[in-house]
Amino acid sequence: MKGGLTLLRESLPLIKPSERNAANYILAHPAEVVKLSVQELAGKSGSSEAAVIRLCKSIGVTGYRELKLKIAGDLQNESGNKNAFGEIKPNDTVAHLMEAIAEKHTQSISQTMQVNEAVAIEQAVSMISRARKIDFYGVGASYLVAEDGEQKFGRIGKWCTAYSDAHQQLASAANLTYGDVAFVISYSGETEQLLPVLKQAKETGATTIAMTKLGPNRLQELADIQLFTVAKEARIRSAATSSRIVQMYLMDIIYTAVAGRDYEHTIDALEKSRQAIQQAFQTEQK
């Protein structure tokens, strides 16, 4: 069990004030906390036993014991590179940036892997494999991931679309039916433009999938299937780099799993796509 510390960090802005003392203490003293009882943690953090129990419920774990097991897994997984990277500074060398950004993305992918249950990804794969139509929705940098999904699945014969315009998103969602899939991508999970889209898709009977950051958010609460991403973003960043990388990572996993379920069809569809593109460009060059 891993991902307890990540779960707390991602959920911290949304945790109730009465539970925040306990959360902050856990984050500051994780190695100590795995040895503490609920009563001891409440005393040391200046909170109450009830607040600790509510905190566990707020972040989606079954209880304090599960939280401690997750934190213990995190501590065991640490490799001493906690401060290997930090905020990007104005005069950082290219060599330093290469190492720091690679480390940042590697940790984000590793933590994203830890916080996702294989069963949730399996559910997404099953629904997409059987879907009549797949709609991908995103805004801003997340739309790039939606487009990536459309391109990948389209090449293996899936009927899919990707929309960023609010009107197109709503119109398409309204015309989905039972057996279709609405796949919403939003790191914050609070993108106002996507909330009515997901609600509309649910009303049609389509299966809804939300790929959001870890921690409570409205899109996650609405979706049938929840997928989580963990990203370490610096203040100086471009186009939400880490969040986009981990979103693409999850999309690649889902695509590869779907493609593998009907391998012969996948190979045939990819070959048809390759031949069509090759023939078109060869014709243009002549």
Protein backbone atom coordinates (compact mmCIF):
# COMPACT_ATOMS: atom_id res chain seq x y z
CA MET A 1 0.00 0.00 0.00
CA LYS A 2 1.45 3.33 -1.09
CA GLY A 3 0.29 6.85 -1.85
CA GLY A 4 -0.77 8.01 1.62
CA LEU A 5 1.48 11.07 1.73
CA THR A 6 0.62 12.01 -1.84
CA LEU A 7 -3.07 11.64 -1.06
CA LEU A 8 -2.72 13.99 1.91
CA ARG A 9 -0.71 16.61 -0.02
CA GLU A 10 -3.17 16.66 -2.91
CA SER A 11 -6.19 16.81 -0.60
CA LEU A 12 -4.80 19.42 1.82
CA PRO A 13 -6.40 22.51 0.19
CA LEU A 14 -9.85 20.90 0.48
CA ILE A 15 -9.50 19.41 3.96
CA LYS A 16 -11.68 21.03 6.63
CA PRO A 17 -9.85 23.31 9.09
CA SER A 18 -10.70 20.98 11.99
CA GLU A 19 -8.79 18.16 10.24
CA ARG A 20 -5.87 20.21 8.92
CA ASN A 21 -3.76 20.12 12.10
CA ALA A 22 -3.63 16.34 11.96
CA ALA A 23 -2.90 16.36 8.21
CA ASN A 24 -0.06 18.86 8.58
CA TYR A 25 1.46 16.88 11.45
CA ILE A 26 1.38 13.67 9.43
CA LEU A 27 3.09 15.35 6.48
CA ALA A 28 5.75 16.86 8.74
CA HIS A 29 6.42 13.67 10.75
CA PRO A 30 5.46 10.65 8.61
CA ALA A 31 8.02 8.25 10.11
CA GLU A 32 6.77 9.04 13.62
CA VAL A 33 3.09 8.82 12.71
CA VAL A 34 3.25 5.18 11.57
CA LYS A 35 4.07 4.30 15.21
CA LEU A 36 1.36 6.46 16.79
CA SER A 37 -2.16 5.50 17.84
CA VAL A 38 -5.13 7.68 16.96
CA GLN A 39 -5.10 9.08 20.48
CA GLU A 40 -1.38 9.89 20.33
CA LEU A 41 -1.66 11.59 16.94
CA ALA A 42 -4.60 13.66 18.16
CA GLY A 43 -2.60 14.82 21.18
CA LYS A 44 0.59 15.63 19.29
CA SER A 45 -1.20 17.47 16.47
CA GLY A 46 -3.51 19.49 18.70
CA SER A 47 -6.61 17.95 17.15
CA SER A 48 -9.07 15.29 18.33
CA GLU A 49 -9.56 11.58 17.71
CA ALA A 50 -12.78 12.37 15.86
CA ALA A 51 -10.91 14.83 13.61
CA VAL A 52 -8.33 12.16 12.73
CA ILE A 53 -11.09 9.68 11.82
CA ARG A 54 -12.88 12.33 9.74
CA LEU A 55 -9.60 13.13 7.99
CA CYS A 56 -9.25 9.51 6.92
CA LYS A 57 -12.78 9.54 5.53
CA SER A 58 -12.18 12.89 3.77
CA ILE A 59 -9.21 11.57 1.81
CA GLY A 60 -10.94 8.32 0.89
CA VAL A 61 -9.23 5.70 3.07
CA THR A 62 -11.15 3.23 5.20
CA GLY A 63 -9.51 4.25 8.45
CA TYR A 64 -6.40 5.28 10.34
CA ARG A 65 -4.83 1.83 10.02
CA GLU A 66 -5.03 1.92 6.22
CA LEU A 67 -3.58 5.43 6.18
CA LYS A 68 -0.61 4.30 8.29
CA LEU A 69 -0.02 1.32 6.00
CA LYS A 70 -0.01 3.60 2.97
CA ILE A 71 2.43 6.00 4.64
CA ALA A 72 4.69 3.10 5.64
CA GLY A 73 4.74 2.04 1.98
CA ASP A 74 5.68 5.58 0.96
CA LEU A 75 8.55 5.69 3.44
CA GLN A 76 9.85 2.32 2.29
CA ASN A 77 9.76 3.53 -1.31
CA GLU A 78 11.73 6.71 -0.68
CA SER A 79 15.24 6.55 -2.08
CA GLY A 80 16.81 9.57 -0.46
CA ASN A 81 16.25 11.89 -3.40
CA LYS A 82 13.59 13.97 -1.69
CA ASN A 83 15.38 17.21 -2.56
CA ALA A 84 16.80 16.13 -5.90
CA PHE A 85 14.81 18.84 -7.59
CA GLY A 86 12.97 21.97 -6.61
CA GLU A 87 11.81 25.19 -8.13
CA ILE A 88 13.42 26.12 -11.43
CA LYS A 89 15.70 29.12 -10.95
CA PRO A 90 16.47 31.86 -13.50
CA ASN A 91 20.13 30.91 -13.93
CA ASP A 92 19.84 27.12 -13.89
CA THR A 93 22.10 25.44 -16.43
CA VAL A 94 20.66 23.30 -19.20
CA ALA A 95 22.42 20.29 -17.69
CA HIS A 96 20.70 20.90 -14.35
CA LEU A 97 17.32 21.40 -16.03
CA MET A 98 17.70 18.14 -17.94
CA GLU A 99 18.30 16.23 -14.73
CA ALA A 100 15.76 18.09 -12.59
CA ILE A 101 12.88 17.90 -15.06
CA ALA A 102 13.55 14.23 -15.81
CA GLU A 103 13.50 13.50 -12.07
CA LYS A 104 10.32 15.53 -11.61
CA HIS A 105 8.47 13.67 -14.35
CA THR A 106 9.78 10.30 -13.16
CA GLN A 107 8.49 10.91 -9.64
CA SER A 108 5.14 12.14 -10.94
CA ILE A 109 4.70 8.99 -13.03
CA SER A 110 5.78 6.77 -10.14
CA GLN A 111 3.32 8.41 -7.75
CA THR A 112 0.54 8.29 -10.34
CA MET A 113 1.13 4.55 -10.67
CA GLN A 114 0.94 4.14 -6.89
CA VAL A 115 -2.37 5.94 -6.40
CA ASN A 116 -4.33 4.21 -9.18
CA GLU A 117 -5.98 0.87 -8.51
CA ALA A 118 -5.54 -1.58 -11.39
CA VAL A 119 -9.25 -2.43 -11.14
CA ALA A 120 -10.27 1.15 -12.04
CA ILE A 121 -8.03 1.16 -15.10
CA GLU A 122 -9.37 -2.28 -16.02
CA GLN A 123 -12.93 -0.92 -15.83
CA ALA A 124 -12.01 1.97 -18.13
CA VAL A 125 -10.37 -0.44 -20.57
CA SER A 126 -13.43 -2.72 -20.60
CA MET A 127 -15.89 0.12 -21.22
CA ILE A 128 -13.78 1.69 -23.97
CA SER A 129 -13.25 -1.71 -25.63
CA ARG A 130 -17.02 -2.23 -25.90
CA ALA A 131 -18.01 1.39 -26.57
CA ARG A 132 -19.94 2.37 -29.67
CA LYS A 133 -18.48 5.88 -29.45
CA ILE A 134 -15.89 7.60 -27.25
CA ASP A 135 -15.94 11.35 -26.62
CA PHE A 136 -12.83 12.97 -25.14
CA TYR A 137 -13.22 16.35 -23.45
CA GLY A 138 -10.56 18.73 -22.16
CA VAL A 139 -9.69 22.40 -21.83
CA GLY A 140 -6.28 24.05 -22.22
CA ALA A 141 -3.34 21.68 -21.75
CA SER A 142 -5.73 18.83 -20.91
CA TYR A 143 -7.27 19.19 -24.37
CA LEU A 144 -3.92 18.11 -25.85
CA VAL A 145 -4.36 14.82 -23.99
CA ALA A 146 -7.94 14.54 -25.29
CA GLU A 147 -6.62 14.99 -28.83
CA ASP A 148 -3.97 12.37 -28.17
CA GLY A 149 -6.69 9.93 -27.10
CA GLU A 150 -8.74 10.67 -30.21
CA GLN A 151 -5.74 10.08 -32.47
CA LYS A 152 -4.66 6.86 -30.76
CA PHE A 153 -8.06 5.19 -30.59
CA GLY A 154 -9.11 6.47 -34.01
CA ARG A 155 -6.20 4.66 -35.61
CA ILE A 156 -7.38 1.31 -34.27
CA GLY A 157 -10.89 1.73 -35.63
CA LYS A 158 -12.67 3.32 -32.68
CA TRP A 159 -15.28 5.99 -33.38
CA CYS A 160 -14.09 8.86 -31.23
CA THR A 161 -13.97 12.64 -31.12
CA ALA A 162 -12.18 15.29 -29.06
CA TYR A 163 -13.76 18.66 -28.33
CA SER A 164 -12.51 21.78 -26.55
CA ASP A 165 -15.33 24.15 -27.54
CA ALA A 166 -18.00 24.30 -24.83
CA HIS A 167 -20.94 24.24 -27.27
CA GLN A 168 -19.56 21.27 -29.21
CA GLN A 169 -18.85 19.42 -25.98
CA LEU A 170 -22.41 19.82 -24.73
CA ALA A 171 -23.98 19.00 -28.11
CA SER A 172 -21.91 15.85 -28.45
CA ALA A 173 -22.57 14.76 -24.85
CA ALA A 174 -26.32 15.20 -25.39
CA ASN A 175 -26.21 12.75 -28.30
CA LEU A 176 -24.36 9.96 -26.54
CA THR A 177 -26.30 6.81 -25.70
CA TYR A 178 -26.05 3.84 -23.37
CA GLY A 179 -22.80 2.02 -24.12
CA ASP A 180 -20.94 5.13 -25.20
CA VAL A 181 -18.09 6.63 -23.16
CA ALA A 182 -17.55 10.25 -22.10
CA PHE A 183 -13.91 10.69 -21.06
CA VAL A 184 -13.22 13.97 -19.26
CA ILE A 185 -9.67 15.16 -18.60
CA SER A 186 -8.99 17.93 -16.07
CA TYR A 187 -6.07 18.08 -13.68
CA SER A 188 -7.93 20.22 -11.13
CA GLY A 189 -11.16 18.27 -11.47
CA GLU A 190 -12.96 21.58 -11.08
CA THR A 191 -13.01 22.92 -14.66
CA GLU A 192 -16.35 24.74 -14.81
CA GLN A 193 -16.78 24.17 -18.55
CA LEU A 194 -16.64 20.39 -18.12
CA LEU A 195 -19.08 19.97 -15.22
CA PRO A 196 -22.28 20.40 -17.30
CA VAL A 197 -20.76 18.21 -20.02
CA LEU A 198 -20.24 15.32 -17.62
CA LYS A 199 -23.72 15.77 -16.15
CA GLN A 200 -25.24 15.75 -19.64
CA ALA A 201 -23.36 12.59 -20.60
CA LYS A 202 -24.58 10.81 -17.45
CA GLU A 203 -28.18 11.70 -18.28
CA THR A 204 -27.88 9.89 -21.62
CA GLY A 205 -26.73 6.68 -19.93
CA ALA A 206 -23.16 6.89 -21.23
CA THR A 207 -20.33 5.63 -19.02
CA THR A 208 -18.38 8.58 -17.64
CA ILE A 209 -14.64 8.53 -16.93
CA ALA A 210 -12.81 11.38 -15.19
CA MET A 211 -9.03 11.74 -15.17
CA THR A 212 -8.23 14.29 -12.46
CA LYS A 213 -5.72 15.00 -9.73
CA LEU A 214 -5.84 12.95 -6.57
CA GLY A 215 -8.12 14.27 -3.84
CA PRO A 216 -11.78 15.29 -3.68
CA ASN A 217 -13.11 17.24 -6.67
CA ARG A 218 -16.45 17.66 -8.41
CA LEU A 219 -15.66 15.87 -11.67
CA GLN A 220 -14.39 12.84 -9.78
CA GLU A 221 -17.57 12.75 -7.70
CA LEU A 222 -19.75 12.78 -10.83
CA ALA A 223 -17.87 10.14 -12.83
CA ASP A 224 -18.56 6.41 -12.91
CA ILE A 225 -14.84 5.63 -13.15
CA GLN A 226 -12.13 7.74 -11.51
CA LEU A 227 -8.51 7.86 -12.66
CA PHE A 228 -5.96 9.91 -10.76
CA THR A 229 -2.82 11.83 -11.69
CA VAL A 230 -0.12 13.24 -9.43
CA ALA A 231 2.04 16.06 -10.78
CA LYS A 232 4.90 18.09 -9.35
CA GLU A 233 4.60 21.48 -11.02
CA ALA A 234 7.16 24.25 -10.52
CA ARG A 235 6.08 27.88 -10.36
CA ILE A 236 7.98 28.52 -13.59
CA ARG A 237 6.38 26.09 -15.97
CA SER A 238 5.06 25.81 -19.49
CA ALA A 239 1.66 24.38 -20.37
CA ALA A 240 1.27 22.32 -17.18
CA THR A 241 4.16 20.06 -18.13
CA SER A 242 4.09 17.45 -15.36
CA SER A 243 0.32 17.09 -15.30
CA ARG A 244 0.25 16.66 -19.08
CA ILE A 245 3.01 14.03 -18.94
CA VAL A 246 1.19 11.88 -16.36
CA GLN A 247 -2.14 12.29 -18.17
CA MET A 248 -0.48 11.01 -21.36
CA TYR A 249 1.06 8.17 -19.35
CA LEU A 250 -2.37 7.00 -18.17
CA MET A 251 -3.83 7.42 -21.66
CA ASP A 252 -1.02 5.26 -23.07
CA ILE A 253 -1.74 2.51 -20.55
CA ILE A 254 -5.44 2.48 -21.42
CA TYR A 255 -4.80 2.58 -25.17
CA THR A 256 -2.26 -0.24 -25.04
CA ALA A 257 -4.58 -2.41 -22.94
CA VAL A 258 -7.54 -1.79 -25.28
CA ALA A 259 -5.39 -2.49 -28.34
CA GLY A 260 -4.13 -5.73 -26.82
CA ARG A 261 -7.63 -7.06 -26.17
CA ASP A 262 -8.29 -7.46 -29.88
CA TYR A 263 -4.74 -7.76 -31.14
CA GLU A 264 -5.47 -9.01 -34.66
CA HIS A 265 -8.01 -6.25 -35.29
CA THR A 266 -5.59 -3.67 -33.88
CA ILE A 267 -2.76 -4.76 -36.18
CA ASP A 268 -5.12 -4.76 -39.18
CA ALA A 269 -6.47 -1.28 -38.36
CA LEU A 270 -3.00 0.18 -37.82
CA GLU A 271 -1.81 -1.29 -41.11
CA LYS A 272 -4.80 0.19 -42.97
CA SER A 273 -4.08 3.58 -41.39
CA ARG A 274 -0.40 3.36 -42.30
CA GLN A 275 -1.12 2.38 -45.90
CA ALA A 276 -3.71 5.14 -46.38
CA ILE A 277 -1.31 7.81 -45.12
CA GLN A 278 1.62 6.41 -47.08
CA GLN A 279 -0.34 6.23 -50.32
CA ALA A 280 -1.69 9.76 -49.93
CA PHE A 281 1.71 11.31 -49.34
CA GLN A 282 3.39 9.28 -52.06
CA THR A 283 0.72 10.50 -54.49
CA GLU A 284 1.34 14.12 -53.46
CA GLN A 285 5.09 13.78 -53.97
CA LYS A 286 4.79 12.42 -57.53
